[in-house]
PDB file of N, CA and C in Angstrom:
ATOM      1  N   UNK A   1      -8.797 -13.943 -18.908  1.00  0.00           N
ATOM      2  CA  UNK A   1     -10.237 -13.998 -18.721  1.00  0.00           C
ATOM      3  C   UNK A   1     -10.515 -14.629 -17.360  1.00  0.00           C
ATOM      4  N   UNK A   2     -11.418 -14.044 -16.624  1.00  0.00           N
ATOM      5  CA  UNK A   2     -11.793 -14.644 -15.345  1.00  0.00           C
ATOM      6  C   UNK A   2     -13.232 -15.143 -15.398  1.00  0.00           C
ATOM      7  N   UNK A   3     -13.546 -16.027 -14.464  1.00  0.00           N
ATOM      8  CA  UNK A   3     -14.855 -16.685 -14.458  1.00  0.00           C
ATOM      9  C   UNK A   3     -15.904 -15.748 -13.859  1.00  0.00           C
ATOM     10  N   UNK A   4     -16.983 -15.438 -14.605  1.00  0.00           N
ATOM     11  CA  UNK A   4     -18.012 -14.552 -14.079  1.00  0.00           C
ATOM     12  C   UNK A   4     -18.811 -15.177 -12.926  1.00  0.00           C
ATOM     13  N   UNK A   5     -18.959 -16.480 -12.937  1.00  0.00           N
ATOM     14  CA  UNK A   5     -19.688 -17.143 -11.848  1.00  0.00           C
ATOM     15  C   UNK A   5     -18.906 -17.059 -10.546  1.00  0.00           C
ATOM     16  N   UNK A   6     -17.585 -17.177 -10.637  1.00  0.00           N
ATOM     17  CA  UNK A   6     -16.756 -17.033  -9.437  1.00  0.00           C
ATOM     18  C   UNK A   6     -16.910 -15.638  -8.856  1.00  0.00           C
ATOM     19  N   UNK A   7     -16.982 -14.636  -9.723  1.00  0.00           N
ATOM     20  CA  UNK A   7     -17.165 -13.255  -9.253  1.00  0.00           C
ATOM     21  C   UNK A   7     -18.518 -13.114  -8.553  1.00  0.00           C
ATOM     22  N   UNK A   8     -19.545 -13.712  -9.135  1.00  0.00           N
ATOM     23  CA  UNK A   8     -20.883 -13.608  -8.573  1.00  0.00           C
ATOM     24  C   UNK A   8     -20.970 -14.301  -7.213  1.00  0.00           C
ATOM     25  N   UNK A   9     -20.280 -15.431  -7.066  1.00  0.00           N
ATOM     26  CA  UNK A   9     -20.300 -16.189  -5.813  1.00  0.00           C
ATOM     27  C   UNK A   9     -19.254 -15.686  -4.811  1.00  0.00           C
ATOM     28  N   UNK A  10     -18.532 -14.613  -5.171  1.00  0.00           N
ATOM     29  CA  UNK A  10     -17.490 -14.019  -4.328  1.00  0.00           C
ATOM     30  C   UNK A  10     -16.424 -15.045  -3.953  1.00  0.00           C
ATOM     31  N   UNK A  11     -16.027 -15.835  -4.944  1.00  0.00           N
ATOM     32  CA  UNK A  11     -14.968 -16.822  -4.773  1.00  0.00           C
ATOM     33  C   UNK A  11     -13.650 -16.196  -5.210  1.00  0.00           C
ATOM     34  N   UNK A  12     -12.514 -16.799  -4.844  1.00  0.00           N
ATOM     35  CA  UNK A  12     -11.242 -16.306  -5.379  1.00  0.00           C
ATOM     36  C   UNK A  12     -11.259 -16.380  -6.905  1.00  0.00           C
ATOM     37  N   UNK A  13     -10.647 -15.411  -7.513  1.00  0.00           N
ATOM     38  CA  UNK A  13     -10.673 -15.321  -8.976  1.00  0.00           C
ATOM     39  C   UNK A  13     -10.002 -16.528  -9.625  1.00  0.00           C
ATOM     40  N   UNK A  14     -10.626 -17.017 -10.676  1.00  0.00           N
ATOM     41  CA  UNK A  14     -10.061 -18.082 -11.501  1.00  0.00           C
ATOM     42  C   UNK A  14      -9.762 -17.479 -12.861  1.00  0.00           C
ATOM     43  N   UNK A  15      -8.526 -17.551 -13.272  1.00  0.00           N
ATOM     44  CA  UNK A  15      -8.114 -16.953 -14.535  1.00  0.00           C
ATOM     45  C   UNK A  15      -7.907 -18.032 -15.591  1.00  0.00           C
ATOM     46  N   UNK A  16      -8.355 -17.729 -16.796  1.00  0.00           N
ATOM     47  CA  UNK A  16      -8.207 -18.633 -17.935  1.00  0.00           C
ATOM     48  C   UNK A  16      -7.556 -17.865 -19.075  1.00  0.00           C
ATOM     49  N   UNK A  17      -6.752 -18.564 -19.866  1.00  0.00           N
ATOM     50  CA  UNK A  17      -6.008 -17.885 -20.938  1.00  0.00           C
ATOM     51  C   UNK A  17      -6.900 -17.484 -22.106  1.00  0.00           C
ATOM     52  N   UNK A  18      -7.984 -18.212 -22.336  1.00  0.00           N
ATOM     53  CA  UNK A  18      -8.865 -17.882 -23.456  1.00  0.00           C
ATOM     54  C   UNK A  18     -10.236 -18.516 -23.221  1.00  0.00           C
ATOM     55  N   UNK A  19     -11.165 -18.190 -24.103  1.00  0.00           N
ATOM     56  CA  UNK A  19     -12.507 -18.758 -24.026  1.00  0.00           C
ATOM     57  C   UNK A  19     -12.465 -20.272 -24.254  1.00  0.00           C
ATOM     58  N   UNK A  20     -11.597 -20.737 -25.154  1.00  0.00           N
ATOM     59  CA  UNK A  20     -11.476 -22.175 -25.413  1.00  0.00           C
ATOM     60  C   UNK A  20     -10.943 -22.903 -24.184  1.00  0.00           C
ATOM     61  N   UNK A  21      -9.981 -22.288 -23.523  1.00  0.00           N
ATOM     62  CA  UNK A  21      -9.424 -22.860 -22.294  1.00  0.00           C
ATOM     63  C   UNK A  21     -10.516 -22.958 -21.225  1.00  0.00           C
ATOM     64  N   UNK A  22     -11.310 -21.901 -21.127  1.00  0.00           N
ATOM     65  CA  UNK A  22     -12.416 -21.863 -20.164  1.00  0.00           C
ATOM     66  C   UNK A  22     -13.425 -22.971 -20.449  1.00  0.00           C
ATOM     67  N   UNK A  23     -13.782 -23.138 -21.719  1.00  0.00           N
ATOM     68  CA  UNK A  23     -14.749 -24.170 -22.107  1.00  0.00           C
ATOM     69  C   UNK A  23     -14.217 -25.577 -21.833  1.00  0.00           C
ATOM     70  N   UNK A  24     -12.943 -25.799 -22.106  1.00  0.00           N
ATOM     71  CA  UNK A  24     -12.393 -27.140 -21.923  1.00  0.00           C
ATOM     72  C   UNK A  24     -12.278 -27.520 -20.446  1.00  0.00           C
ATOM     73  N   UNK A  25     -12.121 -26.539 -19.585  1.00  0.00           N
ATOM     74  CA  UNK A  25     -11.957 -26.793 -18.156  1.00  0.00           C
ATOM     75  C   UNK A  25     -13.269 -26.659 -17.383  1.00  0.00           C
ATOM     76  N   UNK A  26     -14.348 -26.301 -18.061  1.00  0.00           N
ATOM     77  CA  UNK A  26     -15.600 -25.955 -17.397  1.00  0.00           C
ATOM     78  C   UNK A  26     -16.166 -27.069 -16.515  1.00  0.00           C
ATOM     79  N   UNK A  27     -16.169 -28.325 -16.972  1.00  0.00           N
ATOM     80  CA  UNK A  27     -16.760 -29.413 -16.180  1.00  0.00           C
ATOM     81  C   UNK A  27     -16.061 -29.555 -14.833  1.00  0.00           C
ATOM     82  N   UNK A  28     -14.761 -29.446 -14.831  1.00  0.00           N
ATOM     83  CA  UNK A  28     -14.008 -29.541 -13.583  1.00  0.00           C
ATOM     84  C   UNK A  28     -14.205 -28.288 -12.745  1.00  0.00           C
ATOM     85  N   UNK A  29     -14.154 -27.137 -13.379  1.00  0.00           N
ATOM     86  CA  UNK A  29     -14.263 -25.861 -12.665  1.00  0.00           C
ATOM     87  C   UNK A  29     -15.652 -25.671 -12.056  1.00  0.00           C
ATOM     88  N   UNK A  30     -16.665 -26.144 -12.731  1.00  0.00           N
ATOM     89  CA  UNK A  30     -18.033 -25.976 -12.246  1.00  0.00           C
ATOM     90  C   UNK A  30     -18.260 -26.709 -10.923  1.00  0.00           C
ATOM     91  N   UNK A  31     -17.473 -27.744 -10.633  1.00  0.00           N
ATOM     92  CA  UNK A  31     -17.591 -28.444  -9.346  1.00  0.00           C
ATOM     93  C   UNK A  31     -17.264 -27.503  -8.195  1.00  0.00           C
ATOM     94  N   UNK A  32     -16.346 -26.573  -8.420  1.00  0.00           N
ATOM     95  CA  UNK A  32     -16.031 -25.570  -7.395  1.00  0.00           C
ATOM     96  C   UNK A  32     -17.246 -24.688  -7.120  1.00  0.00           C
ATOM     97  N   UNK A  33     -17.971 -24.328  -8.171  1.00  0.00           N
ATOM     98  CA  UNK A  33     -19.166 -23.505  -8.002  1.00  0.00           C
ATOM     99  C   UNK A  33     -20.218 -24.244  -7.182  1.00  0.00           C
ATOM    100  N   UNK A  34     -20.398 -25.522  -7.495  1.00  0.00           N
ATOM    101  CA  UNK A  34     -21.404 -26.300  -6.773  1.00  0.00           C
ATOM    102  C   UNK A  34     -21.049 -26.419  -5.297  1.00  0.00           C
ATOM    103  N   UNK A  35     -19.773 -26.615  -5.000  1.00  0.00           N
ATOM    104  CA  UNK A  35     -19.351 -26.707  -3.595  1.00  0.00           C
ATOM    105  C   UNK A  35     -19.559 -25.376  -2.887  1.00  0.00           C
ATOM    106  N   UNK A  36     -19.260 -24.271  -3.569  1.00  0.00           N
ATOM    107  CA  UNK A  36     -19.446 -22.949  -2.969  1.00  0.00           C
ATOM    108  C   UNK A  36     -20.923 -22.662  -2.728  1.00  0.00           C
ATOM    109  N   UNK A  37     -21.781 -23.043  -3.673  1.00  0.00           N
ATOM    110  CA  UNK A  37     -23.222 -22.840  -3.498  1.00  0.00           C
ATOM    111  C   UNK A  37     -23.745 -23.640  -2.315  1.00  0.00           C
ATOM    112  N   UNK A  38     -23.251 -24.866  -2.141  1.00  0.00           N
ATOM    113  CA  UNK A  38     -23.659 -25.697  -1.011  1.00  0.00           C
ATOM    114  C   UNK A  38     -23.214 -25.060   0.303  1.00  0.00           C
ATOM    115  N   UNK A  39     -22.004 -24.518   0.327  1.00  0.00           N
ATOM    116  CA  UNK A  39     -21.492 -23.859   1.520  1.00  0.00           C
ATOM    117  C   UNK A  39     -22.346 -22.634   1.870  1.00  0.00           C
ATOM    118  N   UNK A  40     -22.670 -21.836   0.869  1.00  0.00           N
ATOM    119  CA  UNK A  40     -23.500 -20.651   1.101  1.00  0.00           C
ATOM    120  C   UNK A  40     -24.864 -21.062   1.619  1.00  0.00           C
ATOM    121  N   UNK A  41     -25.417 -22.121   1.062  1.00  0.00           N
ATOM    122  CA  UNK A  41     -26.733 -22.613   1.496  1.00  0.00           C
ATOM    123  C   UNK A  41     -26.693 -23.057   2.960  1.00  0.00           C
ATOM    124  N   UNK A  42     -25.662 -23.790   3.339  1.00  0.00           N
ATOM    125  CA  UNK A  42     -25.573 -24.260   4.724  1.00  0.00           C
ATOM    126  C   UNK A  42     -25.277 -23.105   5.688  1.00  0.00           C
ATOM    127  N   UNK A  43     -24.526 -22.093   5.235  1.00  0.00           N
ATOM    128  CA  UNK A  43     -24.270 -20.931   6.088  1.00  0.00           C
ATOM    129  C   UNK A  43     -25.548 -20.149   6.330  1.00  0.00           C
ATOM    130  N   UNK A  44     -26.394 -20.039   5.312  1.00  0.00           N
ATOM    131  CA  UNK A  44     -27.660 -19.318   5.478  1.00  0.00           C
ATOM    132  C   UNK A  44     -28.611 -20.083   6.395  1.00  0.00           C
ATOM    133  N   UNK A  45     -28.498 -21.408   6.414  1.00  0.00           N
ATOM    134  CA  UNK A  45     -29.376 -22.225   7.254  1.00  0.00           C
ATOM    135  C   UNK A  45     -28.946 -22.200   8.721  1.00  0.00           C
ATOM    136  N   UNK A  46     -27.723 -21.748   8.998  1.00  0.00           N
ATOM    137  CA  UNK A  46     -27.220 -21.726  10.372  1.00  0.00           C
ATOM    138  C   UNK A  46     -27.983 -20.699  11.204  1.00  0.00           C
ATOM    139  N   UNK A  47     -28.485 -21.148  12.321  1.00  0.00           N
ATOM    140  CA  UNK A  47     -29.170 -20.274  13.268  1.00  0.00           C
ATOM    141  C   UNK A  47     -28.423 -20.350  14.592  1.00  0.00           C
ATOM    142  N   UNK A  48     -27.897 -19.214  15.093  1.00  0.00           N
ATOM    143  CA  UNK A  48     -27.201 -19.270  16.380  1.00  0.00           C
ATOM    144  C   UNK A  48     -28.176 -19.600  17.503  1.00  0.00           C
ATOM    145  N   UNK A  49     -27.682 -20.207  18.569  1.00  0.00           N
ATOM    146  CA  UNK A  49     -28.567 -20.539  19.670  1.00  0.00           C
ATOM    147  C   UNK A  49     -29.172 -19.286  20.296  1.00  0.00           C
ATOM    148  N   UNK A  50     -30.415 -19.376  20.729  1.00  0.00           N
ATOM    149  CA  UNK A  50     -31.038 -18.193  21.336  1.00  0.00           C
ATOM    150  C   UNK A  50     -30.380 -17.897  22.691  1.00  0.00           C
ATOM    151  N   UNK A  51     -29.723 -16.771  22.747  1.00  0.00           N
ATOM    152  CA  UNK A  51     -28.990 -16.404  23.951  1.00  0.00           C
ATOM    153  C   UNK A  51     -28.817 -14.898  23.942  1.00  0.00           C
ATOM    154  N   UNK A  52     -28.875 -14.287  25.107  1.00  0.00           N
ATOM    155  CA  UNK A  52     -28.711 -12.846  25.216  1.00  0.00           C
ATOM    156  C   UNK A  52     -27.213 -12.537  25.300  1.00  0.00           C
ATOM    157  N   UNK A  53     -26.584 -12.324  24.148  1.00  0.00           N
ATOM    158  CA  UNK A  53     -25.147 -12.074  24.100  1.00  0.00           C
ATOM    159  C   UNK A  53     -24.845 -10.670  24.604  1.00  0.00           C
ATOM    160  N   UNK A  54     -23.843 -10.550  25.460  1.00  0.00           N
ATOM    161  CA  UNK A  54     -23.515  -9.250  26.037  1.00  0.00           C
ATOM    162  C   UNK A  54     -22.394  -8.548  25.290  1.00  0.00           C
ATOM    163  N   UNK A  55     -21.608  -9.254  24.526  1.00  0.00           N
ATOM    164  CA  UNK A  55     -20.481  -8.656  23.815  1.00  0.00           C
ATOM    165  C   UNK A  55     -20.605  -8.819  22.321  1.00  0.00           C
ATOM    166  N   UNK A  56     -19.573  -8.418  21.603  1.00  0.00           N
ATOM    167  CA  UNK A  56     -19.634  -8.483  20.142  1.00  0.00           C
ATOM    168  C   UNK A  56     -19.403  -9.886  19.579  1.00  0.00           C
ATOM    169  N   UNK A  57     -18.880 -10.822  20.370  1.00  0.00           N
ATOM    170  CA  UNK A  57     -18.612 -12.168  19.874  1.00  0.00           C
ATOM    171  C   UNK A  57     -19.877 -13.015  19.893  1.00  0.00           C
ATOM    172  N   UNK A  58     -20.147 -13.628  18.752  1.00  0.00           N
ATOM    173  CA  UNK A  58     -21.321 -14.491  18.624  1.00  0.00           C
ATOM    174  C   UNK A  58     -20.907 -15.742  17.853  1.00  0.00           C
ATOM    175  N   UNK A  59     -21.629 -16.856  18.040  1.00  0.00           N
ATOM    176  CA  UNK A  59     -21.274 -18.064  17.296  1.00  0.00           C
ATOM    177  C   UNK A  59     -21.484 -17.862  15.803  1.00  0.00           C
ATOM    178  N   UNK A  60     -20.692 -18.588  15.022  1.00  0.00           N
ATOM    179  CA  UNK A  60     -20.765 -18.489  13.571  1.00  0.00           C
ATOM    180  C   UNK A  60     -20.699 -19.887  12.990  1.00  0.00           C
ATOM    181  N   UNK A  61     -21.106 -20.005  11.763  1.00  0.00           N
ATOM    182  CA  UNK A  61     -21.104 -21.289  11.066  1.00  0.00           C
ATOM    183  C   UNK A  61     -19.699 -21.868  10.985  1.00  0.00           C
ATOM    184  N   UNK A  62     -19.553 -23.137  11.294  1.00  0.00           N
ATOM    185  CA  UNK A  62     -18.285 -23.853  11.161  1.00  0.00           C
ATOM    186  C   UNK A  62     -18.467 -24.902  10.073  1.00  0.00           C
ATOM    187  N   UNK A  63     -17.600 -24.876   9.078  1.00  0.00           N
ATOM    188  CA  UNK A  63     -17.728 -25.817   7.968  1.00  0.00           C
ATOM    189  C   UNK A  63     -17.452 -27.238   8.440  1.00  0.00           C
ATOM    190  N   UNK A  64     -17.990 -28.234   7.741  1.00  0.00           N
ATOM    191  CA  UNK A  64     -17.752 -29.628   8.127  1.00  0.00           C
ATOM    192  C   UNK A  64     -16.270 -29.985   8.007  1.00  0.00           C
ATOM    193  N   UNK A  65     -15.829 -30.926   8.830  1.00  0.00           N
ATOM    194  CA  UNK A  65     -14.429 -31.343   8.800  1.00  0.00           C
ATOM    195  C   UNK A  65     -14.139 -32.061   7.485  1.00  0.00           C
ATOM    196  N   UNK A  66     -13.012 -31.724   6.890  1.00  0.00           N
ATOM    197  CA  UNK A  66     -12.602 -32.355   5.642  1.00  0.00           C
ATOM    198  C   UNK A  66     -11.521 -33.373   5.927  1.00  0.00           C
ATOM    199  N   UNK A  67     -11.448 -34.393   5.094  1.00  0.00           N
ATOM    200  CA  UNK A  67     -10.435 -35.429   5.298  1.00  0.00           C
ATOM    201  C   UNK A  67      -9.206 -35.133   4.440  1.00  0.00           C
ATOM    202  N   UNK A  68      -8.079 -35.641   4.878  1.00  0.00           N
ATOM    203  CA  UNK A  68      -6.827 -35.485   4.145  1.00  0.00           C
ATOM    204  C   UNK A  68      -6.623 -36.742   3.310  1.00  0.00           C
ATOM    205  N   UNK A  69      -6.291 -36.586   2.030  1.00  0.00           N
ATOM    206  CA  UNK A  69      -6.088 -37.771   1.188  1.00  0.00           C
ATOM    207  C   UNK A  69      -4.990 -38.667   1.762  1.00  0.00           C
ATOM    208  N   UNK A  70      -5.140 -39.989   1.626  1.00  0.00           N
ATOM    209  CA  UNK A  70      -4.167 -40.906   2.223  1.00  0.00           C
ATOM    210  C   UNK A  70      -2.759 -40.781   1.637  1.00  0.00           C
ATOM    211  N   UNK A  71      -2.616 -40.297   0.403  1.00  0.00           N
ATOM    212  CA  UNK A  71      -1.283 -40.182  -0.190  1.00  0.00           C
ATOM    213  C   UNK A  71      -0.516 -38.946   0.298  1.00  0.00           C
ATOM    214  N   UNK A  72      -1.187 -38.067   1.028  1.00  0.00           N
ATOM    215  CA  UNK A  72      -0.536 -36.866   1.562  1.00  0.00           C
ATOM    216  C   UNK A  72       0.334 -37.230   2.758  1.00  0.00           C
ATOM    217  N   UNK A  73       1.584 -36.750   2.737  1.00  0.00           N
ATOM    218  CA  UNK A  73       2.477 -36.993   3.868  1.00  0.00           C
ATOM    219  C   UNK A  73       1.972 -36.225   5.082  1.00  0.00           C
ATOM    220  N   UNK A  74       1.934 -36.900   6.201  1.00  0.00           N
ATOM    221  CA  UNK A  74       1.404 -36.281   7.414  1.00  0.00           C
ATOM    222  C   UNK A  74       2.530 -36.052   8.413  1.00  0.00           C
ATOM    223  N   UNK A  75       2.444 -34.982   9.200  1.00  0.00           N
ATOM    224  CA  UNK A  75       3.475 -34.742  10.205  1.00  0.00           C
ATOM    225  C   UNK A  75       3.380 -35.752  11.333  1.00  0.00           C
ATOM    226  N   UNK A  76       4.423 -35.814  12.155  1.00  0.00           N
ATOM    227  CA  UNK A  76       4.445 -36.819  13.222  1.00  0.00           C
ATOM    228  C   UNK A  76       3.403 -36.554  14.308  1.00  0.00           C
ATOM    229  N   UNK A  77       2.826 -35.371  14.358  1.00  0.00           N
ATOM    230  CA  UNK A  77       1.854 -35.059  15.402  1.00  0.00           C
ATOM    231  C   UNK A  77       0.400 -35.224  14.952  1.00  0.00           C
ATOM    232  N   UNK A  78       0.151 -35.773  13.762  1.00  0.00           N
ATOM    233  CA  UNK A  78      -1.220 -35.850  13.282  1.00  0.00           C
ATOM    234  C   UNK A  78      -2.066 -36.856  14.051  1.00  0.00           C
ATOM    235  N   UNK A  79      -1.472 -37.850  14.688  1.00  0.00           N
ATOM    236  CA  UNK A  79      -2.256 -38.835  15.425  1.00  0.00           C
ATOM    237  C   UNK A  79      -2.584 -38.400  16.848  1.00  0.00           C
ATOM    238  N   UNK A  80      -1.561 -37.964  17.582  1.00  0.00           N
ATOM    239  CA  UNK A  80      -1.787 -37.668  18.995  1.00  0.00           C
ATOM    240  C   UNK A  80      -1.572 -36.210  19.374  1.00  0.00           C
ATOM    241  N   UNK A  81      -1.173 -35.368  18.416  1.00  0.00           N
ATOM    242  CA  UNK A  81      -0.979 -33.959  18.705  1.00  0.00           C
ATOM    243  C   UNK A  81       0.367 -33.622  19.310  1.00  0.00           C
ATOM    244  N   UNK A  82       1.227 -34.608  19.510  1.00  0.00           N
ATOM    245  CA  UNK A  82       2.536 -34.365  20.111  1.00  0.00           C
ATOM    246  C   UNK A  82       3.608 -34.297  19.022  1.00  0.00           C
ATOM    247  N   UNK A  83       4.309 -33.188  18.898  1.00  0.00           N
ATOM    248  CA  UNK A  83       5.372 -33.072  17.895  1.00  0.00           C
ATOM    249  C   UNK A  83       6.653 -33.737  18.392  1.00  0.00           C
ATOM    250  N   UNK A  84       6.741 -35.045  18.269  1.00  0.00           N
ATOM    251  CA  UNK A  84       7.862 -35.791  18.841  1.00  0.00           C
ATOM    252  C   UNK A  84       9.203 -35.399  18.229  1.00  0.00           C
ATOM    253  N   UNK A  85       9.249 -35.093  16.942  1.00  0.00           N
ATOM    254  CA  UNK A  85      10.525 -34.706  16.327  1.00  0.00           C
ATOM    255  C   UNK A  85      11.019 -33.381  16.892  1.00  0.00           C
ATOM    256  N   UNK A  86      10.119 -32.418  17.097  1.00  0.00           N
ATOM    257  CA  UNK A  86      10.524 -31.141  17.684  1.00  0.00           C
ATOM    258  C   UNK A  86      10.942 -31.321  19.134  1.00  0.00           C
ATOM    259  N   UNK A  87      10.229 -32.150  19.855  1.00  0.00           N
ATOM    260  CA  UNK A  87      10.555 -32.371  21.259  1.00  0.00           C
ATOM    261  C   UNK A  87      11.922 -33.033  21.390  1.00  0.00           C
ATOM    262  N   UNK A  88      12.271 -33.911  20.467  1.00  0.00           N
ATOM    263  CA  UNK A  88      13.581 -34.566  20.501  1.00  0.00           C
ATOM    264  C   UNK A  88      14.696 -33.555  20.246  1.00  0.00           C
ATOM    265  N   UNK A  89      14.460 -32.624  19.325  1.00  0.00           N
ATOM    266  CA  UNK A  89      15.468 -31.596  19.046  1.00  0.00           C
ATOM    267  C   UNK A  89      15.650 -30.659  20.240  1.00  0.00           C
ATOM    268  N   UNK A  90      14.582 -30.345  20.961  1.00  0.00           N
ATOM    269  CA  UNK A  90      14.690 -29.451  22.112  1.00  0.00           C
ATOM    270  C   UNK A  90      15.478 -30.096  23.242  1.00  0.00           C
ATOM    271  N   UNK A  91      15.457 -31.415  23.302  1.00  0.00           N
ATOM    272  CA  UNK A  91      16.207 -32.110  24.353  1.00  0.00           C
ATOM    273  C   UNK A  91      17.708 -32.085  24.078  1.00  0.00           C
ATOM    274  N   UNK A  92      18.074 -31.820  22.822  1.00  0.00           N
ATOM    275  CA  UNK A  92      19.489 -31.750  22.464  1.00  0.00           C
ATOM    276  C   UNK A  92      20.035 -30.421  22.984  1.00  0.00           C
ATOM    277  N   UNK A  93      20.710 -30.463  24.114  1.00  0.00           N
ATOM    278  CA  UNK A  93      21.157 -29.238  24.773  1.00  0.00           C
ATOM    279  C   UNK A  93      22.630 -28.952  24.535  1.00  0.00           C
ATOM    280  N   UNK A  94      23.253 -29.603  23.579  1.00  0.00           N
ATOM    281  CA  UNK A  94      24.668 -29.372  23.300  1.00  0.00           C
ATOM    282  C   UNK A  94      24.848 -27.964  22.741  1.00  0.00           C
ATOM    283  N   UNK A  95      25.759 -27.202  23.318  1.00  0.00           N
ATOM    284  CA  UNK A  95      26.027 -25.842  22.874  1.00  0.00           C
ATOM    285  C   UNK A  95      27.240 -25.877  21.957  1.00  0.00           C
ATOM    286  N   UNK A  96      27.062 -25.346  20.765  1.00  0.00           N
ATOM    287  CA  UNK A  96      28.153 -25.326  19.806  1.00  0.00           C
ATOM    288  C   UNK A  96      29.111 -24.193  20.162  1.00  0.00           C
ATOM    289  N   UNK A  97      30.370 -24.499  20.300  1.00  0.00           N
ATOM    290  CA  UNK A  97      31.384 -23.501  20.625  1.00  0.00           C
ATOM    291  C   UNK A  97      32.093 -23.127  19.331  1.00  0.00           C
ATOM    292  N   UNK A  98      32.014 -21.852  18.988  1.00  0.00           N
ATOM    293  CA  UNK A  98      32.594 -21.355  17.735  1.00  0.00           C
ATOM    294  C   UNK A  98      34.083 -21.064  17.919  1.00  0.00           C
ATOM    295  N   UNK A  99      34.826 -21.248  16.844  1.00  0.00           N
ATOM    296  CA  UNK A  99      36.256 -20.911  16.863  1.00  0.00           C
ATOM    297  C   UNK A  99      36.404 -19.400  16.644  1.00  0.00           C
ATOM    298  N   UNK A 100      37.606 -18.871  16.851  1.00  0.00           N
ATOM    299  CA  UNK A 100      37.853 -17.440  16.670  1.00  0.00           C
ATOM    300  C   UNK A 100      37.595 -17.023  15.223  1.00  0.00           C
ATOM    301  N   UNK A 101      37.966 -17.869  14.273  1.00  0.00           N
ATOM    302  CA  UNK A 101      37.737 -17.517  12.864  1.00  0.00           C
ATOM    303  C   UNK A 101      36.236 -17.521  12.535  1.00  0.00           C
ATOM    304  N   UNK A 102      35.477 -18.454  13.103  1.00  0.00           N
ATOM    305  CA  UNK A 102      34.030 -18.480  12.881  1.00  0.00           C
ATOM    306  C   UNK A 102      33.376 -17.230  13.463  1.00  0.00           C
ATOM    307  N   UNK A 103      33.824 -16.823  14.646  1.00  0.00           N
ATOM    308  CA  UNK A 103      33.277 -15.616  15.279  1.00  0.00           C
ATOM    309  C   UNK A 103      33.598 -14.392  14.430  1.00  0.00           C
ATOM    310  N   UNK A 104      34.818 -14.320  13.913  1.00  0.00           N
ATOM    311  CA  UNK A 104      35.199 -13.195  13.058  1.00  0.00           C
ATOM    312  C   UNK A 104      34.333 -13.150  11.799  1.00  0.00           C
ATOM    313  N   UNK A 105      34.072 -14.299  11.205  1.00  0.00           N
ATOM    314  CA  UNK A 105      33.227 -14.351  10.005  1.00  0.00           C
ATOM    315  C   UNK A 105      31.795 -13.913  10.325  1.00  0.00           C
ATOM    316  N   UNK A 106      31.274 -14.341  11.478  1.00  0.00           N
ATOM    317  CA  UNK A 106      29.915 -13.958  11.878  1.00  0.00           C
ATOM    318  C   UNK A 106      29.825 -12.444  12.083  1.00  0.00           C
ATOM    319  N   UNK A 107      30.846 -11.864  12.696  1.00  0.00           N
ATOM    320  CA  UNK A 107      30.854 -10.418  12.910  1.00  0.00           C
ATOM    321  C   UNK A 107      30.901  -9.670  11.586  1.00  0.00           C
ATOM    322  N   UNK A 108      31.681 -10.193  10.641  1.00  0.00           N
ATOM    323  CA  UNK A 108      31.782  -9.568   9.321  1.00  0.00           C
ATOM    324  C   UNK A 108      30.424  -9.601   8.610  1.00  0.00           C
ATOM    325  N   UNK A 109      29.751 -10.728   8.676  1.00  0.00           N
ATOM    326  CA  UNK A 109      28.432 -10.864   8.053  1.00  0.00           C
ATOM    327  C   UNK A 109      27.438  -9.902   8.694  1.00  0.00           C
ATOM    328  N   UNK A 110      27.484  -9.762  10.002  1.00  0.00           N
ATOM    329  CA  UNK A 110      26.572  -8.847  10.696  1.00  0.00           C
ATOM    330  C   UNK A 110      26.833  -7.404  10.277  1.00  0.00           C
ATOM    331  N   UNK A 111      28.109  -7.036  10.130  1.00  0.00           N
ATOM    332  CA  UNK A 111      28.423  -5.669   9.699  1.00  0.00           C
ATOM    333  C   UNK A 111      27.895  -5.421   8.275  1.00  0.00           C
ATOM    334  N   UNK A 112      28.069  -6.389   7.400  1.00  0.00           N
ATOM    335  CA  UNK A 112      27.589  -6.263   6.030  1.00  0.00           C
ATOM    336  C   UNK A 112      26.075  -6.154   6.016  1.00  0.00           C
ATOM    337  N   UNK A 113      25.442  -6.919   6.843  1.00  0.00           N
ATOM    338  CA  UNK A 113      23.965  -6.926   6.906  1.00  0.00           C
ATOM    339  C   UNK A 113      23.407  -5.576   7.337  1.00  0.00           C
ATOM    340  N   UNK A 114      24.100  -4.889   8.250  1.00  0.00           N
ATOM    341  CA  UNK A 114      23.586  -3.636   8.794  1.00  0.00           C
ATOM    342  C   UNK A 114      24.026  -2.406   7.993  1.00  0.00           C
ATOM    343  N   UNK A 115      24.663  -2.608   6.853  1.00  0.00           N
ATOM    344  CA  UNK A 115      25.088  -1.452   6.037  1.00  0.00           C
ATOM    345  C   UNK A 115      23.942  -0.894   5.261  1.00  0.00           C
TER     346      UNK A 115
END
């Protein structure tokens, strides 16, 4: 069973196993509807700046910035935008030299892959 309100609001489908399941989850699920209605309301209120646009690109509504919960693990670049862990790996310029047996195994795998 899917939610008829989600269909009406053109939201991603929410599936429920039964009517009882739908009823028991309704209070939590209805919060999604309220957020979607608020978003639609703010999108309708958006008025682009008066400007004689010459091409097909025009400004569009941008949703408000959302915060990330504090318990979520954040990448090393979330503060300053610099991916320090990736940059450290790129500085590692050591070239691995394969043995003859490793090269033979790699060639065998490539032949199997292309069959």
